[in-house]
């Protein structure tokens, strides 16, 4: 992929991301006017109007936001718990993010650095790829610890890891075993934080 095509593609995805963010704000304002944020039951009724379609749409939304960062992941995680409850909300969040991460890793392996350059800043890419100088095992350990962290750039890390000699087996087990912790953190930190702000204001 030449530089001109790469720059154009980056601009397209940047525009998509901005539009997605704007759509999130507009949608949030609309739901607020409907009273969905003041009354959790209203929000549940809107999303779960169909017992099967609601969860399917949410799962697809989670998968897509991992592959293409249209909607902030933290918001969708908190929304999952608010809409479907603590148990099923966690399950849907986990499955959606897990499937999305596996697809993203596969795409990174298939399309290589050209794809990574679209979604990952050069500074971030160089920073994490520099860990390979200490060996693949150390990179794998660092990757595992960062996936456990709730503040790490997970999607960027998945793409960067796809450019290393990390095995599919190791990647899958890290995502299966380590991903639940940050999902739980985001879910309840955002919800309790929102409730706290609601009580203050």
C-alpha atoms as a PDB file:
ATOM      1  CA  UNK A   1       0.000   0.000   0.000  1.00  0.00           C
ATOM      2  CA  UNK A   2       1.648   3.250  -1.148  1.00  0.00           C
ATOM      3  CA  UNK A   3       1.795   6.379   0.995  1.00  0.00           C
ATOM      4  CA  UNK A   4      -1.008   8.227  -0.840  1.00  0.00           C
ATOM      5  CA  UNK A   5      -3.430   5.308  -0.537  1.00  0.00           C
ATOM      6  CA  UNK A   6      -2.463   4.839   3.109  1.00  0.00           C
ATOM      7  CA  UNK A   7      -3.073   8.522   3.914  1.00  0.00           C
ATOM      8  CA  UNK A   8      -6.429   8.467   2.104  1.00  0.00           C
ATOM      9  CA  UNK A   9      -7.531   5.287   3.894  1.00  0.00           C
ATOM     10  CA  UNK A  10      -6.530   6.743   7.262  1.00  0.00           C
ATOM     11  CA  UNK A  11      -8.582   9.860   6.537  1.00  0.00           C
ATOM     12  CA  UNK A  12     -11.607   7.756   5.593  1.00  0.00           C
ATOM     13  CA  UNK A  13     -11.432   5.758   8.826  1.00  0.00           C
ATOM     14  CA  UNK A  14     -10.833   8.924  10.854  1.00  0.00           C
ATOM     15  CA  UNK A  15     -13.990  10.422   9.344  1.00  0.00           C
ATOM     16  CA  UNK A  16     -15.914   7.190  10.078  1.00  0.00           C
ATOM     17  CA  UNK A  17     -14.686   7.282  13.678  1.00  0.00           C
ATOM     18  CA  UNK A  18     -15.687  10.935  14.104  1.00  0.00           C
ATOM     19  CA  UNK A  19     -19.114  10.269  12.567  1.00  0.00           C
ATOM     20  CA  UNK A  20     -19.542   7.295  14.882  1.00  0.00           C
ATOM     21  CA  UNK A  21     -18.670   9.448  17.877  1.00  0.00           C
ATOM     22  CA  UNK A  22     -21.148  12.130  16.778  1.00  0.00           C
ATOM     23  CA  UNK A  23     -23.812   9.456  16.248  1.00  0.00           C
ATOM     24  CA  UNK A  24     -23.133   8.178  19.765  1.00  0.00           C
ATOM     25  CA  UNK A  25     -23.682  11.671  21.214  1.00  0.00           C
ATOM     26  CA  UNK A  26     -26.861  12.233  19.155  1.00  0.00           C
ATOM     27  CA  UNK A  27     -28.175   8.802  20.124  1.00  0.00           C
ATOM     28  CA  UNK A  28     -27.398   9.450  23.774  1.00  0.00           C
ATOM     29  CA  UNK A  29     -29.244  12.789  23.709  1.00  0.00           C
ATOM     30  CA  UNK A  30     -32.224  11.105  22.014  1.00  0.00           C
ATOM     31  CA  UNK A  31     -32.322   8.328  24.624  1.00  0.00           C
ATOM     32  CA  UNK A  32     -32.033  10.940  27.377  1.00  0.00           C
ATOM     33  CA  UNK A  33     -35.077  12.764  25.988  1.00  0.00           C
ATOM     34  CA  UNK A  34     -36.956   9.462  25.984  1.00  0.00           C
ATOM     35  CA  UNK A  35     -36.062   9.078  29.659  1.00  0.00           C
ATOM     36  CA  UNK A  36     -33.925   5.989  29.032  1.00  0.00           C
ATOM     37  CA  UNK A  37     -31.120   7.193  31.291  1.00  0.00           C
ATOM     38  CA  UNK A  38     -33.438   8.288  34.069  1.00  0.00           C
ATOM     39  CA  UNK A  39     -35.391   5.029  33.998  1.00  0.00           C
ATOM     40  CA  UNK A  40     -33.394   1.883  33.304  1.00  0.00           C
ATOM     41  CA  UNK A  41     -36.563  -0.041  32.419  1.00  0.00           C
ATOM     42  CA  UNK A  42     -37.200   2.265  29.456  1.00  0.00           C
ATOM     43  CA  UNK A  43     -33.699   1.576  28.122  1.00  0.00           C
ATOM     44  CA  UNK A  44     -34.219  -2.164  28.532  1.00  0.00           C
ATOM     45  CA  UNK A  45     -37.543  -2.058  26.697  1.00  0.00           C
ATOM     46  CA  UNK A  46     -36.011  -0.139  23.780  1.00  0.00           C
ATOM     47  CA  UNK A  47     -33.136  -2.587  23.245  1.00  0.00           C
ATOM     48  CA  UNK A  48     -34.812  -5.834  24.273  1.00  0.00           C
ATOM     49  CA  UNK A  49     -38.079  -5.254  22.402  1.00  0.00           C
ATOM     50  CA  UNK A  50     -37.253  -8.558  20.695  1.00  0.00           C
ATOM     51  CA  UNK A  51     -35.801 -11.264  22.952  1.00  0.00           C
ATOM     52  CA  UNK A  52     -33.392 -12.568  20.289  1.00  0.00           C
ATOM     53  CA  UNK A  53     -32.819  -9.542  18.051  1.00  0.00           C
ATOM     54  CA  UNK A  54     -31.716  -7.259  20.917  1.00  0.00           C
ATOM     55  CA  UNK A  55     -28.787  -9.422  22.083  1.00  0.00           C
ATOM     56  CA  UNK A  56     -27.782 -10.218  18.475  1.00  0.00           C
ATOM     57  CA  UNK A  57     -27.649  -6.525  17.556  1.00  0.00           C
ATOM     58  CA  UNK A  58     -25.634  -5.755  20.689  1.00  0.00           C
ATOM     59  CA  UNK A  59     -23.174  -8.606  19.999  1.00  0.00           C
ATOM     60  CA  UNK A  60     -22.651  -7.401  16.427  1.00  0.00           C
ATOM     61  CA  UNK A  61     -22.144  -3.850  17.691  1.00  0.00           C
ATOM     62  CA  UNK A  62     -19.463  -5.035  20.127  1.00  0.00           C
ATOM     63  CA  UNK A  63     -17.692  -7.079  17.447  1.00  0.00           C
ATOM     64  CA  UNK A  64     -17.696  -4.150  15.010  1.00  0.00           C
ATOM     65  CA  UNK A  65     -16.461  -1.600  17.561  1.00  0.00           C
ATOM     66  CA  UNK A  66     -13.416  -3.803  18.227  1.00  0.00           C
ATOM     67  CA  UNK A  67     -12.547  -4.081  14.529  1.00  0.00           C
ATOM     68  CA  UNK A  68     -13.447  -0.494  13.584  1.00  0.00           C
ATOM     69  CA  UNK A  69     -13.431   1.983  16.505  1.00  0.00           C
ATOM     70  CA  UNK A  70     -16.713   3.681  15.623  1.00  0.00           C
ATOM     71  CA  UNK A  71     -18.108   3.789  19.176  1.00  0.00           C
ATOM     72  CA  UNK A  72     -16.018   4.131  22.375  1.00  0.00           C
ATOM     73  CA  UNK A  73     -15.658   0.599  23.784  1.00  0.00           C
ATOM     74  CA  UNK A  74     -16.103   1.694  27.394  1.00  0.00           C
ATOM     75  CA  UNK A  75     -19.559   3.065  26.628  1.00  0.00           C
ATOM     76  CA  UNK A  76     -20.775  -0.117  24.951  1.00  0.00           C
ATOM     77  CA  UNK A  77     -19.470  -2.245  27.827  1.00  0.00           C
ATOM     78  CA  UNK A  78     -21.361  -0.181  30.409  1.00  0.00           C
ATOM     79  CA  UNK A  79     -24.453  -0.156  28.166  1.00  0.00           C
ATOM     80  CA  UNK A  80     -24.393  -3.955  28.000  1.00  0.00           C
ATOM     81  CA  UNK A  81     -24.616  -4.287  31.773  1.00  0.00           C
ATOM     82  CA  UNK A  82     -27.263  -1.568  32.088  1.00  0.00           C
ATOM     83  CA  UNK A  83     -29.438  -3.126  29.388  1.00  0.00           C
ATOM     84  CA  UNK A  84     -29.045  -6.850  30.001  1.00  0.00           C
ATOM     85  CA  UNK A  85     -28.103  -6.920  33.669  1.00  0.00           C
ATOM     86  CA  UNK A  86     -24.799  -7.827  35.368  1.00  0.00           C
ATOM     87  CA  UNK A  87     -24.691 -11.490  34.267  1.00  0.00           C
ATOM     88  CA  UNK A  88     -25.926 -11.470  30.669  1.00  0.00           C
ATOM     89  CA  UNK A  89     -24.445  -8.017  30.094  1.00  0.00           C
ATOM     90  CA  UNK A  90     -21.028  -9.386  31.011  1.00  0.00           C
ATOM     91  CA  UNK A  91     -21.554 -12.493  28.842  1.00  0.00           C
ATOM     92  CA  UNK A  92     -22.542 -10.467  25.766  1.00  0.00           C
ATOM     93  CA  UNK A  93     -19.701  -7.987  26.291  1.00  0.00           C
ATOM     94  CA  UNK A  94     -17.178 -10.791  26.713  1.00  0.00           C
ATOM     95  CA  UNK A  95     -18.331 -12.788  23.679  1.00  0.00           C
ATOM     96  CA  UNK A  96     -18.530  -9.729  21.424  1.00  0.00           C
ATOM     97  CA  UNK A  97     -15.096  -8.409  22.383  1.00  0.00           C
ATOM     98  CA  UNK A  98     -13.532 -11.884  22.231  1.00  0.00           C
ATOM     99  CA  UNK A  99     -14.873 -12.597  18.731  1.00  0.00           C
ATOM    100  CA  UNK A 100     -13.960  -9.096  17.550  1.00  0.00           C
ATOM    101  CA  UNK A 101     -10.400  -9.456  18.880  1.00  0.00           C
ATOM    102  CA  UNK A 102      -9.911 -12.821  17.150  1.00  0.00           C
ATOM    103  CA  UNK A 103     -11.157 -11.362  13.851  1.00  0.00           C
ATOM    104  CA  UNK A 104      -8.883  -8.325  14.284  1.00  0.00           C
ATOM    105  CA  UNK A 105      -5.848 -10.558  14.978  1.00  0.00           C
ATOM    106  CA  UNK A 106      -6.660 -12.605  11.859  1.00  0.00           C
ATOM    107  CA  UNK A 107      -7.007  -9.469   9.720  1.00  0.00           C
ATOM    108  CA  UNK A 108      -3.683  -8.185  11.045  1.00  0.00           C
ATOM    109  CA  UNK A 109      -2.006 -11.465  10.129  1.00  0.00           C
ATOM    110  CA  UNK A 110      -3.615 -11.500   6.682  1.00  0.00           C
ATOM    111  CA  UNK A 111      -3.078  -7.897   5.605  1.00  0.00           C
ATOM    112  CA  UNK A 112       0.068  -7.096   7.568  1.00  0.00           C
ATOM    113  CA  UNK A 113       1.550  -3.740   8.409  1.00  0.00           C
ATOM    114  CA  UNK A 114      -0.543  -1.905   5.817  1.00  0.00           C
ATOM    115  CA  UNK A 115      -3.670  -2.542   7.894  1.00  0.00           C
ATOM    116  CA  UNK A 116      -1.926  -1.827  11.192  1.00  0.00           C
ATOM    117  CA  UNK A 117      -0.768   1.582   9.945  1.00  0.00           C
ATOM    118  CA  UNK A 118      -4.392   2.579   9.293  1.00  0.00           C
ATOM    119  CA  UNK A 119      -5.544   2.034  12.869  1.00  0.00           C
ATOM    120  CA  UNK A 120      -2.382   2.386  14.991  1.00  0.00           C
ATOM    121  CA  UNK A 121      -0.347   5.556  15.326  1.00  0.00           C
ATOM    122  CA  UNK A 122       3.258   5.181  14.225  1.00  0.00           C
ATOM    123  CA  UNK A 123       4.539   6.260  17.653  1.00  0.00           C
ATOM    124  CA  UNK A 124       2.403   3.626  19.399  1.00  0.00           C
ATOM    125  CA  UNK A 125       3.422   0.942  16.910  1.00  0.00           C
ATOM    126  CA  UNK A 126       7.144   1.668  17.304  1.00  0.00           C
ATOM    127  CA  UNK A 127       6.823   1.804  21.104  1.00  0.00           C
ATOM    128  CA  UNK A 128       5.353  -1.670  21.469  1.00  0.00           C
ATOM    129  CA  UNK A 129       7.287  -3.283  18.628  1.00  0.00           C
ATOM    130  CA  UNK A 130      10.501  -2.176  20.369  1.00  0.00           C
ATOM    131  CA  UNK A 131       9.726  -4.768  23.063  1.00  0.00           C
ATOM    132  CA  UNK A 132      10.524  -7.471  20.510  1.00  0.00           C
ATOM    133  CA  UNK A 133      14.176  -6.521  20.862  1.00  0.00           C
ATOM    134  CA  UNK A 134      14.036  -8.302  24.227  1.00  0.00           C
ATOM    135  CA  UNK A 135      12.594 -11.404  22.607  1.00  0.00           C
ATOM    136  CA  UNK A 136       9.192 -12.856  21.720  1.00  0.00           C
ATOM    137  CA  UNK A 137       8.681 -14.381  25.182  1.00  0.00           C
ATOM    138  CA  UNK A 138       9.053 -11.010  26.907  1.00  0.00           C
ATOM    139  CA  UNK A 139       6.737  -9.415  24.377  1.00  0.00           C
ATOM    140  CA  UNK A 140       4.179 -12.158  25.090  1.00  0.00           C
ATOM    141  CA  UNK A 141       4.385 -11.554  28.835  1.00  0.00           C
ATOM    142  CA  UNK A 142       4.016  -7.791  28.356  1.00  0.00           C
ATOM    143  CA  UNK A 143       1.043  -8.389  26.060  1.00  0.00           C
ATOM    144  CA  UNK A 144      -0.625 -10.626  28.670  1.00  0.00           C
ATOM    145  CA  UNK A 145      -0.165  -8.045  31.435  1.00  0.00           C
ATOM    146  CA  UNK A 146      -1.457  -5.203  29.269  1.00  0.00           C
ATOM    147  CA  UNK A 147      -4.577  -7.157  28.246  1.00  0.00           C
ATOM    148  CA  UNK A 148      -5.256  -7.572  31.977  1.00  0.00           C
ATOM    149  CA  UNK A 149      -5.021  -3.799  32.402  1.00  0.00           C
ATOM    150  CA  UNK A 150      -8.240  -1.763  32.010  1.00  0.00           C
ATOM    151  CA  UNK A 151      -6.368   1.214  30.554  1.00  0.00           C
ATOM    152  CA  UNK A 152      -4.280  -0.455  27.836  1.00  0.00           C
ATOM    153  CA  UNK A 153      -5.081   0.202  24.132  1.00  0.00           C
ATOM    154  CA  UNK A 154      -6.322  -3.356  23.563  1.00  0.00           C
ATOM    155  CA  UNK A 155      -7.296  -3.089  19.898  1.00  0.00           C
ATOM    156  CA  UNK A 156      -3.954  -1.539  18.971  1.00  0.00           C
ATOM    157  CA  UNK A 157      -2.133  -4.219  20.977  1.00  0.00           C
ATOM    158  CA  UNK A 158      -4.017  -6.993  19.171  1.00  0.00           C
ATOM    159  CA  UNK A 159      -3.027  -5.572  15.790  1.00  0.00           C
ATOM    160  CA  UNK A 160       0.586  -5.080  16.862  1.00  0.00           C
ATOM    161  CA  UNK A 161       0.737  -8.626  18.291  1.00  0.00           C
ATOM    162  CA  UNK A 162      -0.490  -9.956  14.957  1.00  0.00           C
ATOM    163  CA  UNK A 163       2.743  -8.669  13.410  1.00  0.00           C
ATOM    164  CA  UNK A 164       4.912 -10.750  15.746  1.00  0.00           C
ATOM    165  CA  UNK A 165       5.579 -14.490  15.995  1.00  0.00           C
ATOM    166  CA  UNK A 166       2.965 -14.834  18.736  1.00  0.00           C
ATOM    167  CA  UNK A 167       1.129 -18.132  18.283  1.00  0.00           C
ATOM    168  CA  UNK A 168      -2.613 -18.352  17.785  1.00  0.00           C
ATOM    169  CA  UNK A 169      -2.803 -20.662  20.789  1.00  0.00           C
ATOM    170  CA  UNK A 170      -1.131 -18.147  23.118  1.00  0.00           C
ATOM    171  CA  UNK A 171      -3.193 -15.239  21.788  1.00  0.00           C
ATOM    172  CA  UNK A 172      -6.492 -17.095  22.183  1.00  0.00           C
ATOM    173  CA  UNK A 173      -5.758 -18.210  25.750  1.00  0.00           C
ATOM    174  CA  UNK A 174      -4.684 -14.694  26.780  1.00  0.00           C
ATOM    175  CA  UNK A 175      -7.912 -13.239  25.420  1.00  0.00           C
ATOM    176  CA  UNK A 176     -10.071 -15.980  26.970  1.00  0.00           C
ATOM    177  CA  UNK A 177      -8.506 -15.848  30.438  1.00  0.00           C
ATOM    178  CA  UNK A 178      -7.392 -12.214  30.793  1.00  0.00           C
ATOM    179  CA  UNK A 179     -10.120 -10.228  29.048  1.00  0.00           C
ATOM    180  CA  UNK A 180     -12.859 -10.743  31.693  1.00  0.00           C
ATOM    181  CA  UNK A 181     -11.063  -8.603  34.316  1.00  0.00           C
ATOM    182  CA  UNK A 182     -10.933  -5.301  32.377  1.00  0.00           C
ATOM    183  CA  UNK A 183     -14.488  -5.898  31.107  1.00  0.00           C
ATOM    184  CA  UNK A 184     -15.698  -6.214  34.699  1.00  0.00           C
ATOM    185  CA  UNK A 185     -13.728  -3.108  35.664  1.00  0.00           C
ATOM    186  CA  UNK A 186     -15.180  -0.989  32.854  1.00  0.00           C
ATOM    187  CA  UNK A 187     -18.690  -2.300  33.436  1.00  0.00           C
ATOM    188  CA  UNK A 188     -18.940  -1.467  37.100  1.00  0.00           C
ATOM    189  CA  UNK A 189     -16.574   1.511  37.288  1.00  0.00           C
ATOM    190  CA  UNK A 190     -18.601   3.404  34.665  1.00  0.00           C
ATOM    191  CA  UNK A 191     -21.955   2.372  36.132  1.00  0.00           C
ATOM    192  CA  UNK A 192     -21.066   3.163  39.748  1.00  0.00           C
ATOM    193  CA  UNK A 193     -19.314   6.338  38.634  1.00  0.00           C
ATOM    194  CA  UNK A 194     -22.445   7.411  36.740  1.00  0.00           C
ATOM    195  CA  UNK A 195     -24.637   6.635  39.762  1.00  0.00           C
ATOM    196  CA  UNK A 196     -22.301   8.601  42.010  1.00  0.00           C
ATOM    197  CA  UNK A 197     -22.411  11.634  39.704  1.00  0.00           C
ATOM    198  CA  UNK A 198     -26.188  11.276  39.512  1.00  0.00           C
ATOM    199  CA  UNK A 199     -26.436  11.375  43.315  1.00  0.00           C
ATOM    200  CA  UNK A 200     -24.129  14.411  43.503  1.00  0.00           C
ATOM    201  CA  UNK A 201     -25.935  16.440  40.820  1.00  0.00           C
END
